[in-house]
């Protein structure tokens, strides 16, 4: 190996080590199979319950209460995980009864008793996309910085 090749190899190695060191300084959200599975399950459970909103709320009040409790648990779980602020914010918005996601949907259903199929379908599309964002965050496929770029 010539001196020039040796110098290039050393410089390349130092550059690689520098990049690794810089990357290690940034907190990376750790993958949680529990959080991911929970988000997927709650998406399916939410969309399924939403499809029943064309019927009277009282017939499904128990299911709605159970879902709300599970959604609150998912939020608290996300909030308690280190470097998981963005997913926790998404869950908080998802369950807020004053927002236009599942928390608000359940509140409107309870107040109005029966919702139109068109409204339910539109709401499922919006809520499904937000669940997909949460699922992406919890799986690590979406980085929090990607959400900030979209804003």
Protein backbone atom coordinates (compact mmCIF):
# COMPACT_ATOMS: atom_id res chain seq x y z
CA UNK A 1 0.00 0.00 0.00
CA UNK A 2 1.44 3.36 -0.97
CA UNK A 3 1.62 6.33 1.35
CA UNK A 4 -1.08 8.05 -0.68
CA UNK A 5 -3.44 5.05 -0.36
CA UNK A 6 -2.73 4.83 3.35
CA UNK A 7 -3.50 8.53 3.84
CA UNK A 8 -6.75 8.18 1.84
CA UNK A 9 -7.78 5.15 3.90
CA UNK A 10 -7.06 6.96 7.17
CA UNK A 11 -8.93 10.08 6.02
CA UNK A 12 -11.92 7.99 4.90
CA UNK A 13 -11.95 6.17 8.23
CA UNK A 14 -11.78 9.43 10.18
CA UNK A 15 -14.59 10.90 8.10
CA UNK A 16 -16.76 7.83 8.73
CA UNK A 17 -16.04 7.95 12.47
CA UNK A 18 -16.86 11.67 12.53
CA UNK A 19 -20.20 11.06 10.84
CA UNK A 20 -21.03 8.29 13.30
CA UNK A 21 -20.09 10.56 16.21
CA UNK A 22 -22.30 13.39 14.92
CA UNK A 23 -25.24 11.02 14.40
CA UNK A 24 -24.89 9.65 17.91
CA UNK A 25 -25.33 13.16 19.33
CA UNK A 26 -28.91 13.38 18.01
CA UNK A 27 -31.53 11.48 19.99
CA UNK A 28 -33.26 8.87 17.90
CA UNK A 29 -36.67 7.62 18.84
CA UNK A 30 -36.38 3.95 19.66
CA UNK A 31 -38.72 1.51 17.98
CA UNK A 32 -41.37 0.05 20.23
CA UNK A 33 -43.21 -2.98 18.95
CA UNK A 34 -45.84 -2.37 21.62
CA UNK A 35 -46.47 1.22 20.48
CA UNK A 36 -46.57 0.20 16.82
CA UNK A 37 -48.95 -2.72 17.39
CA UNK A 38 -51.14 -0.59 19.64
CA UNK A 39 -51.40 2.16 16.99
CA UNK A 40 -52.34 -0.30 14.22
CA UNK A 41 -54.91 -2.04 16.42
CA UNK A 42 -56.47 1.26 17.53
CA UNK A 43 -56.67 2.50 13.94
CA UNK A 44 -58.62 -0.58 12.91
CA UNK A 45 -60.80 -0.49 16.03
CA UNK A 46 -61.53 3.24 15.57
CA UNK A 47 -62.42 2.96 11.88
CA UNK A 48 -64.62 -0.06 12.61
CA UNK A 49 -66.50 1.76 15.36
CA UNK A 50 -66.84 4.85 13.18
CA UNK A 51 -68.60 2.77 10.53
CA UNK A 52 -71.31 2.08 13.12
CA UNK A 53 -71.99 5.80 13.64
CA UNK A 54 -74.85 5.62 11.14
CA UNK A 55 -76.67 3.79 13.93
CA UNK A 56 -77.69 5.21 17.30
CA UNK A 57 -74.86 6.11 19.66
CA UNK A 58 -76.49 4.40 22.63
CA UNK A 59 -76.18 1.00 20.90
CA UNK A 60 -72.40 1.45 20.85
CA UNK A 61 -71.75 3.60 23.92
CA UNK A 62 -69.85 0.81 25.67
CA UNK A 63 -67.60 0.31 22.64
CA UNK A 64 -67.02 4.07 22.43
CA UNK A 65 -66.10 4.31 26.11
CA UNK A 66 -63.74 1.35 25.78
CA UNK A 67 -62.10 2.87 22.72
CA UNK A 68 -61.65 6.23 24.47
CA UNK A 69 -59.93 4.49 27.39
CA UNK A 70 -57.60 2.61 25.05
CA UNK A 71 -56.79 5.78 23.13
CA UNK A 72 -55.96 7.60 26.38
CA UNK A 73 -53.71 4.68 27.34
CA UNK A 74 -51.91 4.91 23.97
CA UNK A 75 -51.39 8.64 24.52
CA UNK A 76 -49.98 8.12 28.01
CA UNK A 77 -47.74 5.31 26.75
CA UNK A 78 -46.41 7.51 23.93
CA UNK A 79 -45.93 10.45 26.29
CA UNK A 80 -43.88 8.31 28.66
CA UNK A 81 -41.43 7.05 26.03
CA UNK A 82 -38.16 8.96 25.69
CA UNK A 83 -37.67 11.12 22.56
CA UNK A 84 -41.26 10.50 21.50
CA UNK A 85 -42.71 13.99 21.80
CA UNK A 86 -44.06 14.18 18.24
CA UNK A 87 -45.97 10.90 18.48
CA UNK A 88 -47.35 11.98 21.87
CA UNK A 89 -48.55 15.27 20.31
CA UNK A 90 -50.25 13.33 17.52
CA UNK A 91 -52.03 11.10 20.06
CA UNK A 92 -53.03 14.13 22.14
CA UNK A 93 -54.62 15.76 19.08
CA UNK A 94 -56.23 12.46 18.06
CA UNK A 95 -58.11 12.07 21.35
CA UNK A 96 -59.00 15.73 22.00
CA UNK A 97 -62.83 16.01 21.93
CA UNK A 98 -62.53 19.60 20.70
CA UNK A 99 -60.51 18.62 17.61
CA UNK A 100 -61.73 17.05 14.38
CA UNK A 101 -60.22 13.60 14.90
CA UNK A 102 -61.48 10.53 16.77
CA UNK A 103 -62.10 12.39 20.05
CA UNK A 104 -64.20 15.01 18.29
CA UNK A 105 -65.92 12.42 16.13
CA UNK A 106 -67.06 10.44 19.17
CA UNK A 107 -68.27 13.64 20.86
CA UNK A 108 -70.27 14.66 17.77
CA UNK A 109 -71.74 11.16 17.42
CA UNK A 110 -72.81 11.19 21.06
CA UNK A 111 -74.42 14.65 20.67
CA UNK A 112 -76.07 14.02 17.30
CA UNK A 113 -76.90 10.33 17.97
CA UNK A 114 -76.74 9.26 14.29
CA UNK A 115 -74.29 10.51 11.65
CA UNK A 116 -74.64 10.51 7.87
CA UNK A 117 -72.71 7.91 5.86
CA UNK A 118 -71.02 10.70 3.87
CA UNK A 119 -69.77 12.41 7.05
CA UNK A 120 -68.57 9.10 8.49
CA UNK A 121 -66.72 8.21 5.29
CA UNK A 122 -64.99 11.60 5.08
CA UNK A 123 -64.03 11.49 8.75
CA UNK A 124 -62.62 7.96 8.38
CA UNK A 125 -60.34 9.19 5.60
CA UNK A 126 -58.97 12.07 7.67
CA UNK A 127 -58.62 10.07 10.87
CA UNK A 128 -57.07 7.12 9.02
CA UNK A 129 -54.34 9.40 7.64
CA UNK A 130 -53.49 10.73 11.09
CA UNK A 131 -53.33 7.17 12.41
CA UNK A 132 -50.96 6.37 9.51
CA UNK A 133 -48.74 9.25 10.66
CA UNK A 134 -48.71 7.90 14.22
CA UNK A 135 -47.99 4.39 12.94
CA UNK A 136 -45.15 5.78 10.82
CA UNK A 137 -43.68 7.62 13.80
CA UNK A 138 -43.95 4.58 16.06
CA UNK A 139 -42.39 2.30 13.43
CA UNK A 140 -39.54 4.71 12.75
CA UNK A 141 -40.47 5.04 9.06
CA UNK A 142 -41.38 8.69 9.61
CA UNK A 143 -38.95 10.91 11.48
CA UNK A 144 -40.32 13.81 13.56
CA UNK A 145 -38.33 16.23 11.40
CA UNK A 146 -40.30 15.05 8.35
CA UNK A 147 -43.53 16.22 9.99
CA UNK A 148 -42.04 19.63 10.72
CA UNK A 149 -41.00 19.94 7.04
CA UNK A 150 -44.62 19.31 5.97
CA UNK A 151 -46.00 22.09 8.23
